[in-house]
N, C-alpha and C. Protein backbone atom coordinates (compact mmCIF):
# COMPACT_ATOMS: atom_id res chain seq x y z
N MET A 1 -13.79 -27.01 -6.44
CA MET A 1 -12.37 -26.74 -6.56
C MET A 1 -12.10 -25.77 -7.70
N HIS A 2 -12.73 -26.05 -8.85
CA HIS A 2 -12.50 -25.21 -10.02
C HIS A 2 -13.00 -23.77 -9.78
N SER A 3 -14.15 -23.63 -9.13
CA SER A 3 -14.69 -22.29 -8.89
C SER A 3 -13.85 -21.53 -7.87
N ALA A 4 -13.26 -22.23 -6.92
CA ALA A 4 -12.39 -21.56 -5.94
C ALA A 4 -11.15 -21.01 -6.62
N ARG A 5 -10.59 -21.76 -7.57
CA ARG A 5 -9.43 -21.28 -8.32
C ARG A 5 -9.81 -20.07 -9.17
N ARG A 6 -10.98 -20.12 -9.78
CA ARG A 6 -11.44 -19.00 -10.61
C ARG A 6 -11.64 -17.75 -9.76
N ARG A 7 -12.25 -17.90 -8.59
CA ARG A 7 -12.45 -16.75 -7.69
C ARG A 7 -11.11 -16.16 -7.28
N SER A 8 -10.14 -17.02 -7.04
CA SER A 8 -8.81 -16.55 -6.67
C SER A 8 -8.17 -15.75 -7.81
N GLN A 9 -8.34 -16.23 -9.03
CA GLN A 9 -7.81 -15.51 -10.19
C GLN A 9 -8.49 -14.17 -10.36
N VAL A 10 -9.79 -14.13 -10.18
CA VAL A 10 -10.54 -12.88 -10.30
C VAL A 10 -10.10 -11.90 -9.23
N ALA A 11 -9.96 -12.36 -8.00
CA ALA A 11 -9.51 -11.50 -6.91
C ALA A 11 -8.12 -10.93 -7.19
N ARG A 12 -7.23 -11.77 -7.70
CA ARG A 12 -5.88 -11.33 -8.05
C ARG A 12 -5.92 -10.26 -9.14
N SER A 13 -6.76 -10.49 -10.14
CA SER A 13 -6.90 -9.53 -11.24
C SER A 13 -7.45 -8.20 -10.73
N ILE A 14 -8.44 -8.25 -9.87
CA ILE A 14 -9.01 -7.02 -9.30
C ILE A 14 -7.95 -6.28 -8.49
N GLY A 15 -7.17 -7.01 -7.72
CA GLY A 15 -6.10 -6.39 -6.93
C GLY A 15 -5.07 -5.70 -7.81
N ARG A 16 -4.71 -6.34 -8.91
CA ARG A 16 -3.74 -5.74 -9.83
C ARG A 16 -4.28 -4.47 -10.47
N TRP A 17 -5.53 -4.53 -10.92
CA TRP A 17 -6.12 -3.34 -11.53
C TRP A 17 -6.34 -2.24 -10.49
N ALA A 18 -6.59 -2.62 -9.24
CA ALA A 18 -6.71 -1.61 -8.18
C ALA A 18 -5.40 -0.86 -8.01
N LEU A 19 -4.27 -1.56 -8.15
CA LEU A 19 -2.96 -0.89 -8.08
C LEU A 19 -2.76 0.06 -9.26
N VAL A 20 -3.23 -0.34 -10.44
CA VAL A 20 -3.14 0.55 -11.61
C VAL A 20 -3.92 1.83 -11.33
N VAL A 21 -5.15 1.68 -10.86
CA VAL A 21 -6.00 2.84 -10.59
C VAL A 21 -5.40 3.69 -9.47
N ALA A 22 -4.85 3.06 -8.45
CA ALA A 22 -4.22 3.81 -7.36
C ALA A 22 -3.03 4.61 -7.88
N TRP A 23 -2.22 4.00 -8.75
CA TRP A 23 -1.07 4.73 -9.30
C TRP A 23 -1.53 5.88 -10.18
N MET A 24 -2.60 5.68 -10.93
CA MET A 24 -3.17 6.77 -11.72
C MET A 24 -3.60 7.91 -10.80
N GLY A 25 -4.11 7.56 -9.63
CA GLY A 25 -4.49 8.58 -8.65
C GLY A 25 -3.29 9.36 -8.16
N VAL A 26 -2.16 8.68 -7.96
CA VAL A 26 -0.92 9.36 -7.56
C VAL A 26 -0.49 10.34 -8.64
N VAL A 27 -0.51 9.89 -9.89
CA VAL A 27 -0.14 10.75 -11.01
C VAL A 27 -1.08 11.96 -11.06
N PHE A 28 -2.38 11.72 -10.91
CA PHE A 28 -3.37 12.80 -10.93
C PHE A 28 -3.11 13.80 -9.81
N TYR A 29 -2.79 13.29 -8.63
CA TYR A 29 -2.51 14.17 -7.49
C TYR A 29 -1.35 15.12 -7.81
N PHE A 30 -0.25 14.57 -8.32
CA PHE A 30 0.90 15.42 -8.61
C PHE A 30 0.61 16.39 -9.76
N SER A 31 -0.24 15.99 -10.69
CA SER A 31 -0.61 16.88 -11.79
C SER A 31 -1.55 17.99 -11.33
N SER A 32 -2.18 17.79 -10.20
CA SER A 32 -3.14 18.78 -9.68
C SER A 32 -2.47 19.89 -8.89
N ARG A 33 -1.19 19.72 -8.60
CA ARG A 33 -0.49 20.75 -7.82
C ARG A 33 -0.16 21.94 -8.71
N PRO A 34 -0.53 23.14 -8.28
CA PRO A 34 -0.18 24.32 -9.07
C PRO A 34 1.34 24.44 -9.23
N ASP A 35 1.77 24.94 -10.36
CA ASP A 35 3.20 25.03 -10.66
C ASP A 35 3.94 25.88 -9.64
N TYR A 36 3.30 26.91 -9.12
CA TYR A 36 4.00 27.78 -8.17
C TYR A 36 4.24 27.10 -6.83
N SER A 37 3.60 25.94 -6.59
CA SER A 37 3.83 25.23 -5.33
C SER A 37 5.03 24.29 -5.43
N LEU A 38 5.60 24.16 -6.63
CA LEU A 38 6.75 23.28 -6.83
C LEU A 38 8.03 24.09 -6.79
N PRO A 39 9.09 23.56 -6.19
CA PRO A 39 10.36 24.30 -6.15
C PRO A 39 10.96 24.42 -7.55
N ASN A 40 11.75 25.47 -7.76
CA ASN A 40 12.40 25.68 -9.05
C ASN A 40 13.90 25.80 -8.82
N TYR A 41 14.65 24.85 -9.37
CA TYR A 41 16.09 24.83 -9.19
C TYR A 41 16.83 24.96 -10.51
N GLY A 42 16.26 25.67 -11.46
CA GLY A 42 16.92 25.89 -12.74
C GLY A 42 16.99 24.62 -13.56
N ALA A 43 18.20 24.29 -14.05
CA ALA A 43 18.38 23.11 -14.90
C ALA A 43 18.02 21.83 -14.15
N TRP A 44 18.35 21.78 -12.87
CA TRP A 44 17.99 20.60 -12.08
C TRP A 44 16.48 20.45 -11.98
N ASP A 45 15.76 21.57 -11.99
CA ASP A 45 14.31 21.54 -11.95
C ASP A 45 13.77 20.82 -13.18
N TRP A 46 14.31 21.17 -14.34
CA TRP A 46 13.87 20.54 -15.59
C TRP A 46 14.18 19.04 -15.58
N ILE A 47 15.40 18.70 -15.18
CA ILE A 47 15.82 17.29 -15.13
C ILE A 47 14.94 16.51 -14.15
N THR A 48 14.69 17.08 -13.00
CA THR A 48 13.87 16.42 -11.98
C THR A 48 12.45 16.20 -12.47
N LYS A 49 11.85 17.24 -13.03
CA LYS A 49 10.46 17.12 -13.49
C LYS A 49 10.33 16.13 -14.64
N LYS A 50 11.23 16.20 -15.59
CA LYS A 50 11.15 15.27 -16.74
C LYS A 50 11.50 13.85 -16.30
N GLY A 51 12.42 13.72 -15.37
CA GLY A 51 12.74 12.40 -14.82
C GLY A 51 11.55 11.82 -14.07
N ALA A 52 10.80 12.68 -13.38
CA ALA A 52 9.61 12.22 -12.67
C ALA A 52 8.56 11.72 -13.67
N HIS A 53 8.40 12.46 -14.77
CA HIS A 53 7.48 12.01 -15.83
C HIS A 53 7.88 10.62 -16.31
N LEU A 54 9.15 10.46 -16.62
CA LEU A 54 9.65 9.19 -17.14
C LEU A 54 9.40 8.06 -16.14
N ALA A 55 9.73 8.30 -14.89
CA ALA A 55 9.60 7.27 -13.85
C ALA A 55 8.14 6.92 -13.57
N GLU A 56 7.28 7.94 -13.43
CA GLU A 56 5.90 7.63 -13.08
C GLU A 56 5.19 6.87 -14.20
N TYR A 57 5.54 7.14 -15.44
CA TYR A 57 4.90 6.41 -16.54
C TYR A 57 5.57 5.08 -16.81
N ALA A 58 6.83 4.92 -16.43
CA ALA A 58 7.45 3.59 -16.49
C ALA A 58 6.73 2.67 -15.50
N ILE A 59 6.44 3.19 -14.33
CA ILE A 59 5.71 2.42 -13.32
C ILE A 59 4.30 2.12 -13.81
N LEU A 60 3.64 3.12 -14.38
CA LEU A 60 2.28 2.90 -14.88
C LEU A 60 2.27 1.86 -16.01
N GLY A 61 3.18 1.97 -16.95
CA GLY A 61 3.25 1.00 -18.04
C GLY A 61 3.49 -0.41 -17.51
N TRP A 62 4.40 -0.52 -16.54
CA TRP A 62 4.69 -1.82 -15.93
C TRP A 62 3.45 -2.38 -15.24
N LEU A 63 2.78 -1.53 -14.46
CA LEU A 63 1.59 -1.99 -13.73
C LEU A 63 0.48 -2.43 -14.68
N ILE A 64 0.27 -1.68 -15.75
CA ILE A 64 -0.78 -2.06 -16.72
C ILE A 64 -0.44 -3.39 -17.37
N GLN A 65 0.80 -3.54 -17.81
CA GLN A 65 1.20 -4.81 -18.44
C GLN A 65 1.08 -5.96 -17.45
N TRP A 66 1.45 -5.72 -16.21
CA TRP A 66 1.35 -6.73 -15.16
C TRP A 66 -0.11 -7.10 -14.91
N ALA A 67 -1.00 -6.10 -14.87
CA ALA A 67 -2.42 -6.35 -14.63
C ALA A 67 -3.05 -7.11 -15.80
N ARG A 68 -2.63 -6.80 -17.00
CA ARG A 68 -3.17 -7.46 -18.18
C ARG A 68 -2.61 -8.86 -18.36
N GLY A 69 -1.46 -9.13 -17.82
CA GLY A 69 -0.82 -10.43 -17.99
C GLY A 69 0.38 -10.25 -18.90
N HIS A 70 1.50 -10.79 -18.49
CA HIS A 70 2.76 -10.55 -19.20
C HIS A 70 2.80 -11.13 -20.60
N LYS A 71 1.92 -12.06 -20.91
CA LYS A 71 1.95 -12.68 -22.23
C LYS A 71 1.05 -11.94 -23.23
N ARG A 72 0.43 -10.90 -22.80
CA ARG A 72 -0.46 -10.13 -23.67
C ARG A 72 0.35 -9.11 -24.46
N ALA A 73 -0.26 -8.60 -25.52
CA ALA A 73 0.41 -7.63 -26.39
C ALA A 73 0.76 -6.36 -25.62
N GLY A 74 2.05 -6.08 -25.56
CA GLY A 74 2.54 -4.93 -24.81
C GLY A 74 2.16 -3.60 -25.42
N TRP A 75 1.96 -3.56 -26.73
CA TRP A 75 1.63 -2.28 -27.36
C TRP A 75 0.28 -1.77 -26.86
N GLN A 76 -0.63 -2.68 -26.50
CA GLN A 76 -1.92 -2.25 -25.97
C GLN A 76 -1.76 -1.63 -24.58
N SER A 77 -0.89 -2.23 -23.77
CA SER A 77 -0.61 -1.67 -22.45
C SER A 77 0.05 -0.31 -22.60
N TRP A 78 0.99 -0.21 -23.53
CA TRP A 78 1.66 1.06 -23.79
C TRP A 78 0.65 2.12 -24.23
N LEU A 79 -0.26 1.74 -25.12
CA LEU A 79 -1.27 2.67 -25.61
C LEU A 79 -2.18 3.16 -24.49
N MET A 80 -2.52 2.26 -23.57
CA MET A 80 -3.35 2.66 -22.43
C MET A 80 -2.63 3.71 -21.57
N ALA A 81 -1.34 3.49 -21.34
CA ALA A 81 -0.56 4.43 -20.53
C ALA A 81 -0.42 5.77 -21.24
N VAL A 82 -0.19 5.75 -22.54
CA VAL A 82 -0.03 6.99 -23.31
C VAL A 82 -1.37 7.74 -23.37
N ALA A 83 -2.46 7.02 -23.49
CA ALA A 83 -3.78 7.67 -23.48
C ALA A 83 -4.00 8.37 -22.14
N TYR A 84 -3.60 7.72 -21.05
CA TYR A 84 -3.73 8.37 -19.74
C TYR A 84 -2.82 9.60 -19.66
N ALA A 85 -1.63 9.50 -20.24
CA ALA A 85 -0.71 10.65 -20.24
C ALA A 85 -1.34 11.84 -20.96
N ALA A 86 -1.99 11.57 -22.09
CA ALA A 86 -2.62 12.65 -22.85
C ALA A 86 -3.76 13.28 -22.06
N THR A 87 -4.57 12.45 -21.39
CA THR A 87 -5.66 13.02 -20.59
C THR A 87 -5.11 13.78 -19.38
N ASP A 88 -3.99 13.31 -18.85
CA ASP A 88 -3.36 13.99 -17.72
C ASP A 88 -2.86 15.38 -18.13
N GLU A 89 -2.27 15.47 -19.31
CA GLU A 89 -1.82 16.78 -19.80
C GLU A 89 -3.01 17.70 -20.03
N PHE A 90 -4.11 17.17 -20.54
CA PHE A 90 -5.33 17.97 -20.71
C PHE A 90 -5.81 18.46 -19.35
N HIS A 91 -5.79 17.58 -18.37
CA HIS A 91 -6.19 17.94 -17.01
C HIS A 91 -5.35 19.11 -16.49
N GLN A 92 -4.06 19.12 -16.81
CA GLN A 92 -3.18 20.18 -16.34
C GLN A 92 -3.55 21.55 -16.91
N SER A 93 -4.27 21.57 -18.02
CA SER A 93 -4.68 22.86 -18.59
C SER A 93 -5.66 23.59 -17.67
N PHE A 94 -6.25 22.89 -16.72
CA PHE A 94 -7.19 23.49 -15.78
C PHE A 94 -6.54 23.83 -14.43
N VAL A 95 -5.28 23.50 -14.28
CA VAL A 95 -4.57 23.72 -13.01
C VAL A 95 -3.80 25.03 -13.10
N PRO A 96 -3.99 25.95 -12.13
CA PRO A 96 -3.30 27.24 -12.18
C PRO A 96 -1.78 27.07 -12.27
N GLY A 97 -1.18 27.81 -13.19
CA GLY A 97 0.27 27.78 -13.34
C GLY A 97 0.80 26.61 -14.15
N ARG A 98 -0.07 25.72 -14.59
CA ARG A 98 0.36 24.55 -15.37
C ARG A 98 -0.16 24.69 -16.78
N LYS A 99 0.53 24.05 -17.71
CA LYS A 99 0.04 24.03 -19.08
C LYS A 99 0.38 22.69 -19.71
N PRO A 100 -0.49 22.21 -20.59
CA PRO A 100 -0.21 20.93 -21.23
C PRO A 100 0.95 21.05 -22.20
N ALA A 101 1.70 19.96 -22.36
CA ALA A 101 2.85 19.98 -23.26
C ALA A 101 2.96 18.63 -23.98
N VAL A 102 3.05 18.71 -25.30
CA VAL A 102 3.24 17.50 -26.11
C VAL A 102 4.55 16.81 -25.73
N ALA A 103 5.56 17.60 -25.39
CA ALA A 103 6.86 17.03 -25.00
C ALA A 103 6.71 16.14 -23.77
N ASP A 104 5.85 16.54 -22.84
CA ASP A 104 5.64 15.72 -21.64
C ASP A 104 4.97 14.39 -22.00
N VAL A 105 4.01 14.41 -22.92
CA VAL A 105 3.38 13.17 -23.35
C VAL A 105 4.41 12.27 -24.03
N THR A 106 5.31 12.87 -24.78
CA THR A 106 6.37 12.09 -25.44
C THR A 106 7.28 11.43 -24.40
N ILE A 107 7.67 12.18 -23.39
CA ILE A 107 8.49 11.62 -22.31
C ILE A 107 7.73 10.53 -21.57
N ASP A 108 6.44 10.78 -21.33
CA ASP A 108 5.60 9.77 -20.68
C ASP A 108 5.53 8.49 -21.52
N ALA A 109 5.43 8.66 -22.83
CA ALA A 109 5.36 7.50 -23.74
C ALA A 109 6.65 6.68 -23.69
N VAL A 110 7.77 7.36 -23.61
CA VAL A 110 9.05 6.65 -23.49
C VAL A 110 9.11 5.89 -22.17
N GLY A 111 8.70 6.55 -21.09
CA GLY A 111 8.67 5.89 -19.78
C GLY A 111 7.74 4.68 -19.79
N ALA A 112 6.56 4.83 -20.39
CA ALA A 112 5.61 3.71 -20.46
C ALA A 112 6.19 2.56 -21.27
N ALA A 113 6.90 2.88 -22.35
CA ALA A 113 7.52 1.83 -23.17
C ALA A 113 8.57 1.07 -22.36
N ILE A 114 9.32 1.78 -21.57
CA ILE A 114 10.32 1.13 -20.71
C ILE A 114 9.64 0.20 -19.71
N GLY A 115 8.60 0.70 -19.06
CA GLY A 115 7.88 -0.12 -18.08
C GLY A 115 7.24 -1.35 -18.69
N VAL A 116 6.60 -1.19 -19.83
CA VAL A 116 5.96 -2.32 -20.51
C VAL A 116 7.02 -3.33 -20.95
N ALA A 117 8.13 -2.82 -21.48
CA ALA A 117 9.19 -3.72 -21.95
C ALA A 117 9.77 -4.54 -20.80
N VAL A 118 9.97 -3.91 -19.66
CA VAL A 118 10.50 -4.63 -18.50
C VAL A 118 9.50 -5.69 -18.05
N ALA A 119 8.22 -5.33 -17.99
CA ALA A 119 7.19 -6.28 -17.56
C ALA A 119 7.06 -7.44 -18.54
N ALA A 120 7.15 -7.14 -19.82
CA ALA A 120 7.02 -8.19 -20.83
C ALA A 120 8.27 -9.07 -20.89
N TRP A 121 9.41 -8.47 -20.64
CA TRP A 121 10.68 -9.19 -20.71
C TRP A 121 10.81 -10.19 -19.57
N ARG A 122 10.36 -9.77 -18.42
CA ARG A 122 10.45 -10.65 -17.24
C ARG A 122 9.10 -10.65 -16.52
N ALA A 123 8.67 -11.78 -16.13
CA ALA A 123 7.41 -11.89 -15.40
C ALA A 123 7.66 -11.54 -13.94
N ILE A 124 7.84 -10.24 -13.68
CA ILE A 124 8.16 -9.76 -12.34
C ILE A 124 6.87 -9.70 -11.51
N LYS A 125 6.92 -10.27 -10.32
CA LYS A 125 5.76 -10.25 -9.42
C LYS A 125 6.21 -9.68 -8.09
N PRO A 126 6.06 -8.35 -7.91
CA PRO A 126 6.56 -7.74 -6.68
C PRO A 126 5.71 -8.03 -5.45
N PHE A 127 4.45 -8.34 -5.66
CA PHE A 127 3.56 -8.58 -4.53
C PHE A 127 2.87 -9.91 -4.73
N ALA A 128 2.35 -10.47 -3.68
CA ALA A 128 1.60 -11.71 -3.79
C ALA A 128 0.12 -11.40 -3.95
N ILE A 129 -0.20 -10.68 -5.03
CA ILE A 129 -1.61 -10.30 -5.29
C ILE A 129 -2.10 -11.09 -6.48
């Protein structure tokens, strides 16, 4: 009985971390698109792109905190998300038409903080994983 419960916990943990890795893949995919393939709508373009940064890292921060467990230190989850943001910006330096920006990492850090705070504030479980 005890080992069955433990296997279930391990499977749940693997599923949660798989979602973190999958979301990182989504972020990587969008960062791999050359800048000239993205539409440009002036001021709305800036708002849309920065809003996307904020949203994608809020989701990543939330997922990491959720995978680690809501009672764990949120600053570590936030740091993991910010570290990924920094590596993502470095990755963009190799993509034609893209360039890394400290401002984007800052926006990503704010988004991650929002996601971690929401996850830590409420034990939200969107899926039965």
